[in-house]
Protein backbone atom coordinates (compact mmCIF):
# COMPACT_ATOMS: atom_id res chain seq x y z
CA UNK A 1 0.00 0.00 0.00
CA UNK A 2 1.39 3.43 -0.86
CA UNK A 3 2.54 5.48 2.10
CA UNK A 4 0.32 8.42 1.15
CA UNK A 5 -2.77 6.22 1.18
CA UNK A 6 -1.77 4.75 4.55
CA UNK A 7 -1.34 8.23 5.98
CA UNK A 8 -4.73 9.34 4.64
CA UNK A 9 -6.48 6.29 6.11
CA UNK A 10 -4.61 6.67 9.40
CA UNK A 11 -5.48 10.35 9.66
CA UNK A 12 -9.16 9.67 9.05
CA UNK A 13 -9.08 6.85 11.60
CA UNK A 14 -7.43 9.06 14.21
CA UNK A 15 -9.83 11.96 13.71
CA UNK A 16 -12.85 9.66 13.81
CA UNK A 17 -11.59 7.77 16.84
CA UNK A 18 -10.81 10.90 18.84
CA UNK A 19 -14.22 12.39 18.05
CA UNK A 20 -16.10 9.26 19.11
CA UNK A 21 -13.85 8.74 22.13
CA UNK A 22 -14.43 12.31 23.35
CA UNK A 23 -18.21 12.01 23.03
CA UNK A 24 -18.31 8.63 24.80
CA UNK A 25 -15.98 9.75 27.61
CA UNK A 26 -17.97 12.93 28.19
CA UNK A 27 -21.32 11.12 28.04
CA UNK A 28 -20.10 8.58 30.58
CA UNK A 29 -18.91 11.35 32.88
CA UNK A 30 -22.21 13.18 32.54
CA UNK A 31 -24.29 10.10 33.28
CA UNK A 32 -22.29 8.45 36.03
CA UNK A 33 -20.11 11.11 37.62
CA UNK A 34 -22.59 13.97 37.92
CA UNK A 35 -22.81 13.74 41.71
CA UNK A 36 -19.13 12.96 42.28
CA UNK A 37 -16.61 15.22 43.92
CA UNK A 38 -14.45 17.57 41.91
CA UNK A 39 -11.30 15.51 42.42
CA UNK A 40 -13.08 12.46 40.89
CA UNK A 41 -13.86 14.55 37.81
CA UNK A 42 -10.26 15.70 37.66
CA UNK A 43 -8.91 12.16 37.91
CA UNK A 44 -11.40 10.82 35.38
CA UNK A 45 -10.72 13.46 32.76
CA UNK A 46 -6.97 13.23 33.35
CA UNK A 47 -7.07 9.46 32.81
CA UNK A 48 -9.35 9.59 29.78
CA UNK A 49 -7.38 12.48 28.35
CA UNK A 50 -4.24 10.35 28.33
CA UNK A 51 -5.83 6.98 27.55
CA UNK A 52 -6.66 7.82 23.92
CA UNK A 53 -2.93 7.99 23.17
CA UNK A 54 -2.50 4.20 23.40
CA UNK A 55 -4.70 3.26 20.39
CA UNK A 56 -3.48 6.33 18.51
CA UNK A 57 0.09 5.12 18.96
CA UNK A 58 -0.72 1.86 17.17
CA UNK A 59 -2.39 3.68 14.28
CA UNK A 60 0.60 6.01 13.95
CA UNK A 61 3.02 3.06 13.97
CA UNK A 62 0.93 1.41 11.24
CA UNK A 63 0.98 4.64 9.23
CA UNK A 64 4.77 4.81 9.46
CA UNK A 65 5.17 1.26 8.23
CA UNK A 66 8.51 -0.37 7.57
CA UNK A 67 10.84 2.30 6.27
CA UNK A 68 13.37 1.31 3.69
CA UNK A 69 16.88 2.60 4.22
PDB file of N, CA and C in Angstrom:
ATOM      1  N   UNK A   1       0.848  -1.173   0.000  1.00  0.00           N
ATOM      2  CA  UNK A   1       0.000   0.000   0.000  1.00  0.00           C
ATOM      3  C   UNK A   1       0.893   1.236   0.000  1.00  0.00           C
ATOM      4  N   UNK A   2       0.584   2.199  -0.838  1.00  0.00           N
ATOM      5  CA  UNK A   2       1.391   3.427  -0.865  1.00  0.00           C
ATOM      6  C   UNK A   2       1.327   4.166   0.466  1.00  0.00           C
ATOM      7  N   UNK A   3       2.429   4.792   0.811  1.00  0.00           N
ATOM      8  CA  UNK A   3       2.542   5.484   2.102  1.00  0.00           C
ATOM      9  C   UNK A   3       1.541   6.630   2.209  1.00  0.00           C
ATOM     10  N   UNK A   4       1.268   7.298   1.108  1.00  0.00           N
ATOM     11  CA  UNK A   4       0.321   8.421   1.148  1.00  0.00           C
ATOM     12  C   UNK A   4      -1.093   7.942   1.458  1.00  0.00           C
ATOM     13  N   UNK A   5      -1.457   6.787   0.901  1.00  0.00           N
ATOM     14  CA  UNK A   5      -2.769   6.221   1.183  1.00  0.00           C
ATOM     15  C   UNK A   5      -2.863   5.765   2.631  1.00  0.00           C
ATOM     16  N   UNK A   6      -1.794   5.162   3.151  1.00  0.00           N
ATOM     17  CA  UNK A   6      -1.773   4.748   4.554  1.00  0.00           C
ATOM     18  C   UNK A   6      -1.919   5.949   5.481  1.00  0.00           C
ATOM     19  N   UNK A   7      -1.261   7.036   5.142  1.00  0.00           N
ATOM     20  CA  UNK A   7      -1.345   8.234   5.979  1.00  0.00           C
ATOM     21  C   UNK A   7      -2.739   8.857   5.919  1.00  0.00           C
ATOM     22  N   UNK A   8      -3.372   8.825   4.758  1.00  0.00           N
ATOM     23  CA  UNK A   8      -4.732   9.344   4.641  1.00  0.00           C
ATOM     24  C   UNK A   8      -5.696   8.502   5.471  1.00  0.00           C
ATOM     25  N   UNK A   9      -5.612   7.191   5.339  1.00  0.00           N
ATOM     26  CA  UNK A   9      -6.479   6.295   6.107  1.00  0.00           C
ATOM     27  C   UNK A   9      -6.221   6.459   7.599  1.00  0.00           C
ATOM     28  N   UNK A  10      -4.959   6.511   7.992  1.00  0.00           N
ATOM     29  CA  UNK A  10      -4.609   6.672   9.396  1.00  0.00           C
ATOM     30  C   UNK A  10      -5.105   7.983   9.970  1.00  0.00           C
ATOM     31  N   UNK A  11      -5.003   9.046   9.213  1.00  0.00           N
ATOM     32  CA  UNK A  11      -5.479  10.350   9.663  1.00  0.00           C
ATOM     33  C   UNK A  11      -6.986  10.340   9.866  1.00  0.00           C
ATOM     34  N   UNK A  12      -7.704   9.757   8.914  1.00  0.00           N
ATOM     35  CA  UNK A  12      -9.160   9.666   9.050  1.00  0.00           C
ATOM     36  C   UNK A  12      -9.546   8.798  10.242  1.00  0.00           C
ATOM     37  N   UNK A  13      -8.821   7.700  10.445  1.00  0.00           N
ATOM     38  CA  UNK A  13      -9.077   6.848  11.603  1.00  0.00           C
ATOM     39  C   UNK A  13      -8.838   7.595  12.906  1.00  0.00           C
ATOM     40  N   UNK A  14      -7.745   8.322  12.985  1.00  0.00           N
ATOM     41  CA  UNK A  14      -7.430   9.061  14.206  1.00  0.00           C
ATOM     42  C   UNK A  14      -8.470  10.135  14.512  1.00  0.00           C
ATOM     43  N   UNK A  15      -8.844  10.892  13.508  1.00  0.00           N
ATOM     44  CA  UNK A  15      -9.831  11.963  13.714  1.00  0.00           C
ATOM     45  C   UNK A  15     -11.172  11.367  14.137  1.00  0.00           C
ATOM     46  N   UNK A  16     -11.596  10.309  13.457  1.00  0.00           N
ATOM     47  CA  UNK A  16     -12.854   9.659  13.813  1.00  0.00           C
ATOM     48  C   UNK A  16     -12.815   9.058  15.203  1.00  0.00           C
ATOM     49  N   UNK A  17     -11.711   8.385  15.522  1.00  0.00           N
ATOM     50  CA  UNK A  17     -11.586   7.768  16.843  1.00  0.00           C
ATOM     51  C   UNK A  17     -11.609   8.800  17.954  1.00  0.00           C
ATOM     52  N   UNK A  18     -10.864   9.875  17.794  1.00  0.00           N
ATOM     53  CA  UNK A  18     -10.810  10.904  18.840  1.00  0.00           C
ATOM     54  C   UNK A  18     -12.176  11.562  19.019  1.00  0.00           C
ATOM     55  N   UNK A  19     -12.890  11.789  17.935  1.00  0.00           N
ATOM     56  CA  UNK A  19     -14.218  12.395  18.048  1.00  0.00           C
ATOM     57  C   UNK A  19     -15.178  11.476  18.801  1.00  0.00           C
ATOM     58  N   UNK A  20     -15.208  10.210  18.436  1.00  0.00           N
ATOM     59  CA  UNK A  20     -16.099   9.260  19.106  1.00  0.00           C
ATOM     60  C   UNK A  20     -15.668   9.058  20.556  1.00  0.00           C
ATOM     61  N   UNK A  21     -14.380   8.947  20.782  1.00  0.00           N
ATOM     62  CA  UNK A  21     -13.851   8.744  22.133  1.00  0.00           C
ATOM     63  C   UNK A  21     -14.225   9.914  23.048  1.00  0.00           C
ATOM     64  N   UNK A  22     -14.105  11.128  22.548  1.00  0.00           N
ATOM     65  CA  UNK A  22     -14.428  12.308  23.355  1.00  0.00           C
ATOM     66  C   UNK A  22     -15.915  12.338  23.715  1.00  0.00           C
ATOM     67  N   UNK A  23     -16.767  12.008  22.761  1.00  0.00           N
ATOM     68  CA  UNK A  23     -18.211  12.006  23.031  1.00  0.00           C
ATOM     69  C   UNK A  23     -18.563  10.927  24.048  1.00  0.00           C
ATOM     70  N   UNK A  24     -18.005   9.729  23.881  1.00  0.00           N
ATOM     71  CA  UNK A  24     -18.307   8.630  24.802  1.00  0.00           C
ATOM     72  C   UNK A  24     -17.776   8.942  26.206  1.00  0.00           C
ATOM     73  N   UNK A  25     -16.558   9.437  26.295  1.00  0.00           N
ATOM     74  CA  UNK A  25     -15.980   9.747  27.609  1.00  0.00           C
ATOM     75  C   UNK A  25     -16.768  10.843  28.317  1.00  0.00           C
ATOM     76  N   UNK A  26     -17.190  11.850  27.587  1.00  0.00           N
ATOM     77  CA  UNK A  26     -17.966  12.930  28.189  1.00  0.00           C
ATOM     78  C   UNK A  26     -19.366  12.465  28.573  1.00  0.00           C
ATOM     79  N   UNK A  27     -19.986  11.637  27.720  1.00  0.00           N
ATOM     80  CA  UNK A  27     -21.315  11.117  28.039  1.00  0.00           C
ATOM     81  C   UNK A  27     -21.265  10.243  29.289  1.00  0.00           C
ATOM     82  N   UNK A  28     -20.254   9.420  29.401  1.00  0.00           N
ATOM     83  CA  UNK A  28     -20.099   8.579  30.584  1.00  0.00           C
ATOM     84  C   UNK A  28     -19.944   9.446  31.839  1.00  0.00           C
ATOM     85  N   UNK A  29     -19.116  10.462  31.735  1.00  0.00           N
ATOM     86  CA  UNK A  29     -18.905  11.348  32.882  1.00  0.00           C
ATOM     87  C   UNK A  29     -20.191  12.070  33.263  1.00  0.00           C
ATOM     88  N   UNK A  30     -20.958  12.483  32.277  1.00  0.00           N
ATOM     89  CA  UNK A  30     -22.206  13.182  32.544  1.00  0.00           C
ATOM     90  C   UNK A  30     -23.230  12.265  33.212  1.00  0.00           C
ATOM     91  N   UNK A  31     -23.298  11.028  32.743  1.00  0.00           N
ATOM     92  CA  UNK A  31     -24.295  10.096  33.278  1.00  0.00           C
ATOM     93  C   UNK A  31     -23.923   9.537  34.643  1.00  0.00           C
ATOM     94  N   UNK A  32     -22.670   9.187  34.831  1.00  0.00           N
ATOM     95  CA  UNK A  32     -22.294   8.447  36.034  1.00  0.00           C
ATOM     96  C   UNK A  32     -21.492   9.238  37.069  1.00  0.00           C
ATOM     97  N   UNK A  33     -20.934  10.356  36.678  1.00  0.00           N
ATOM     98  CA  UNK A  33     -20.108  11.109  37.616  1.00  0.00           C
ATOM     99  C   UNK A  33     -20.707  12.459  37.986  1.00  0.00           C
ATOM    100  N   UNK A  34     -21.972  12.661  37.691  1.00  0.00           N
ATOM    101  CA  UNK A  34     -22.592  13.971  37.921  1.00  0.00           C
ATOM    102  C   UNK A  34     -22.572  14.375  39.388  1.00  0.00           C
ATOM    103  N   UNK A  35     -22.746  13.438  40.278  1.00  0.00           N
ATOM    104  CA  UNK A  35     -22.811  13.740  41.709  1.00  0.00           C
ATOM    105  C   UNK A  35     -21.472  13.536  42.420  1.00  0.00           C
ATOM    106  N   UNK A  36     -20.441  13.226  41.669  1.00  0.00           N
ATOM    107  CA  UNK A  36     -19.130  12.957  42.277  1.00  0.00           C
ATOM    108  C   UNK A  36     -18.421  14.243  42.659  1.00  0.00           C
ATOM    109  N   UNK A  37     -17.418  14.078  43.480  1.00  0.00           N
ATOM    110  CA  UNK A  37     -16.614  15.221  43.917  1.00  0.00           C
ATOM    111  C   UNK A  37     -15.741  15.735  42.771  1.00  0.00           C
ATOM    112  N   UNK A  38     -15.259  16.936  42.951  1.00  0.00           N
ATOM    113  CA  UNK A  38     -14.454  17.573  41.908  1.00  0.00           C
ATOM    114  C   UNK A  38     -13.163  16.804  41.626  1.00  0.00           C
ATOM    115  N   UNK A  39     -12.550  16.237  42.660  1.00  0.00           N
ATOM    116  CA  UNK A  39     -11.303  15.510  42.420  1.00  0.00           C
ATOM    117  C   UNK A  39     -11.549  14.227  41.626  1.00  0.00           C
ATOM    118  N   UNK A  40     -12.735  13.631  41.709  1.00  0.00           N
ATOM    119  CA  UNK A  40     -13.076  12.460  40.892  1.00  0.00           C
ATOM    120  C   UNK A  40     -13.171  12.877  39.425  1.00  0.00           C
ATOM    121  N   UNK A  41     -13.792  14.015  39.178  1.00  0.00           N
ATOM    122  CA  UNK A  41     -13.863  14.546  37.814  1.00  0.00           C
ATOM    123  C   UNK A  41     -12.461  14.800  37.272  1.00  0.00           C
ATOM    124  N   UNK A  42     -11.629  15.402  38.077  1.00  0.00           N
ATOM    125  CA  UNK A  42     -10.265  15.699  37.660  1.00  0.00           C
ATOM    126  C   UNK A  42      -9.509  14.422  37.315  1.00  0.00           C
ATOM    127  N   UNK A  43      -9.589  13.426  38.174  1.00  0.00           N
ATOM    128  CA  UNK A  43      -8.906  12.160  37.909  1.00  0.00           C
ATOM    129  C   UNK A  43      -9.466  11.461  36.673  1.00  0.00           C
ATOM    130  N   UNK A  44     -10.780  11.468  36.531  1.00  0.00           N
ATOM    131  CA  UNK A  44     -11.404  10.816  35.383  1.00  0.00           C
ATOM    132  C   UNK A  44     -10.972  11.477  34.079  1.00  0.00           C
ATOM    133  N   UNK A  45     -11.069  12.781  33.999  1.00  0.00           N
ATOM    134  CA  UNK A  45     -10.717  13.462  32.757  1.00  0.00           C
ATOM    135  C   UNK A  45      -9.207  13.444  32.507  1.00  0.00           C
ATOM    136  N   UNK A  46      -8.414  13.397  33.540  1.00  0.00           N
ATOM    137  CA  UNK A  46      -6.966  13.232  33.352  1.00  0.00           C
ATOM    138  C   UNK A  46      -6.677  11.859  32.746  1.00  0.00           C
ATOM    139  N   UNK A  47      -7.298  10.821  33.309  1.00  0.00           N
ATOM    140  CA  UNK A  47      -7.071   9.465  32.809  1.00  0.00           C
ATOM    141  C   UNK A  47      -7.589   9.294  31.388  1.00  0.00           C
ATOM    142  N   UNK A  48      -8.804   9.749  31.123  1.00  0.00           N
ATOM    143  CA  UNK A  48      -9.354   9.587  29.778  1.00  0.00           C
ATOM    144  C   UNK A  48      -8.668  10.504  28.769  1.00  0.00           C
ATOM    145  N   UNK A  49      -8.121  11.599  29.237  1.00  0.00           N
ATOM    146  CA  UNK A  49      -7.376  12.480  28.345  1.00  0.00           C
ATOM    147  C   UNK A  49      -6.059  11.884  27.899  1.00  0.00           C
ATOM    148  N   UNK A  50      -5.500  11.002  28.694  1.00  0.00           N
ATOM    149  CA  UNK A  50      -4.237  10.349  28.330  1.00  0.00           C
ATOM    150  C   UNK A  50      -4.476   8.992  27.677  1.00  0.00           C
ATOM    151  N   UNK A  51      -5.576   8.340  28.009  1.00  0.00           N
ATOM    152  CA  UNK A  51      -5.833   6.981  27.553  1.00  0.00           C
ATOM    153  C   UNK A  51      -5.998   6.857  26.036  1.00  0.00           C
ATOM    154  N   UNK A  52      -6.462   7.899  25.363  1.00  0.00           N
ATOM    155  CA  UNK A  52      -6.661   7.819  23.922  1.00  0.00           C
ATOM    156  C   UNK A  52      -5.340   7.692  23.165  1.00  0.00           C
ATOM    157  N   UNK A  53      -4.240   8.016  23.826  1.00  0.00           N
ATOM    158  CA  UNK A  53      -2.935   7.988  23.165  1.00  0.00           C
ATOM    159  C   UNK A  53      -2.517   6.557  22.817  1.00  0.00           C
ATOM    160  N   UNK A  54      -2.927   5.583  23.621  1.00  0.00           N
ATOM    161  CA  UNK A  54      -2.503   4.196  23.398  1.00  0.00           C
ATOM    162  C   UNK A  54      -2.993   3.679  22.040  1.00  0.00           C
ATOM    163  N   UNK A  55      -4.298   3.730  21.719  1.00  0.00           N
ATOM    164  CA  UNK A  55      -4.702   3.264  20.389  1.00  0.00           C
ATOM    165  C   UNK A  55      -4.150   4.144  19.263  1.00  0.00           C
ATOM    166  N   UNK A  56      -4.031   5.439  19.527  1.00  0.00           N
ATOM    167  CA  UNK A  56      -3.485   6.329  18.507  1.00  0.00           C
ATOM    168  C   UNK A  56      -2.045   5.972  18.180  1.00  0.00           C
ATOM    169  N   UNK A  57      -1.299   5.515  19.179  1.00  0.00           N
ATOM    170  CA  UNK A  57       0.087   5.124  18.957  1.00  0.00           C
ATOM    171  C   UNK A  57       0.180   3.966  17.966  1.00  0.00           C
ATOM    172  N   UNK A  58      -0.732   3.000  18.088  1.00  0.00           N
ATOM    173  CA  UNK A  58      -0.717   1.865  17.169  1.00  0.00           C
ATOM    174  C   UNK A  58      -1.077   2.280  15.745  1.00  0.00           C
ATOM    175  N   UNK A  59      -2.021   3.196  15.606  1.00  0.00           N
ATOM    176  CA  UNK A  59      -2.393   3.681  14.278  1.00  0.00           C
ATOM    177  C   UNK A  59      -1.224   4.443  13.661  1.00  0.00           C
ATOM    178  N   UNK A  60      -0.538   5.247  14.456  1.00  0.00           N
ATOM    179  CA  UNK A  60       0.604   6.012  13.945  1.00  0.00           C
ATOM    180  C   UNK A  60       1.741   5.077  13.549  1.00  0.00           C
ATOM    181  N   UNK A  61       1.983   4.034  14.336  1.00  0.00           N
ATOM    182  CA  UNK A  61       3.017   3.058  13.965  1.00  0.00           C
ATOM    183  C   UNK A  61       2.652   2.366  12.666  1.00  0.00           C
ATOM    184  N   UNK A  62       1.370   2.035  12.476  1.00  0.00           N
ATOM    185  CA  UNK A  62       0.934   1.411  11.240  1.00  0.00           C
ATOM    186  C   UNK A  62       1.115   2.371  10.069  1.00  0.00           C
ATOM    187  N   UNK A  63       0.819   3.641  10.275  1.00  0.00           N
ATOM    188  CA  UNK A  63       0.981   4.638   9.226  1.00  0.00           C
ATOM    189  C   UNK A  63       2.440   4.765   8.801  1.00  0.00           C
ATOM    190  N   UNK A  64       3.333   4.721   9.756  1.00  0.00           N
ATOM    191  CA  UNK A  64       4.772   4.814   9.459  1.00  0.00           C
ATOM    192  C   UNK A  64       5.227   3.635   8.607  1.00  0.00           C
ATOM    193  N   UNK A  65       4.791   2.450   8.983  1.00  0.00           N
ATOM    194  CA  UNK A  65       5.170   1.261   8.230  1.00  0.00           C
ATOM    195  C   UNK A  65       6.650   0.973   8.345  1.00  0.00           C
ATOM    196  N   UNK A  66       7.086  -0.012   7.597  1.00  0.00           N
ATOM    197  CA  UNK A  66       8.507  -0.368   7.565  1.00  0.00           C
ATOM    198  C   UNK A  66       9.214   0.575   6.600  1.00  0.00           C
ATOM    199  N   UNK A  67      10.101   1.361   7.119  1.00  0.00           N
ATOM    200  CA  UNK A  67      10.840   2.302   6.268  1.00  0.00           C
ATOM    201  C   UNK A  67      12.027   1.614   5.646  1.00  0.00           C
ATOM    202  N   UNK A  68      12.222   1.877   4.388  1.00  0.00           N
ATOM    203  CA  UNK A  68      13.374   1.315   3.686  1.00  0.00           C
ATOM    204  C   UNK A  68      14.541   2.280   3.772  1.00  0.00           C
ATOM    205  N   UNK A  69      15.689   1.730   4.086  1.00  0.00           N
ATOM    206  CA  UNK A  69      16.880   2.597   4.225  1.00  0.00           C
ATOM    207  C   UNK A  69      17.640   2.683   2.931  1.00  0.00           C
TER     208      UNK A  69
END
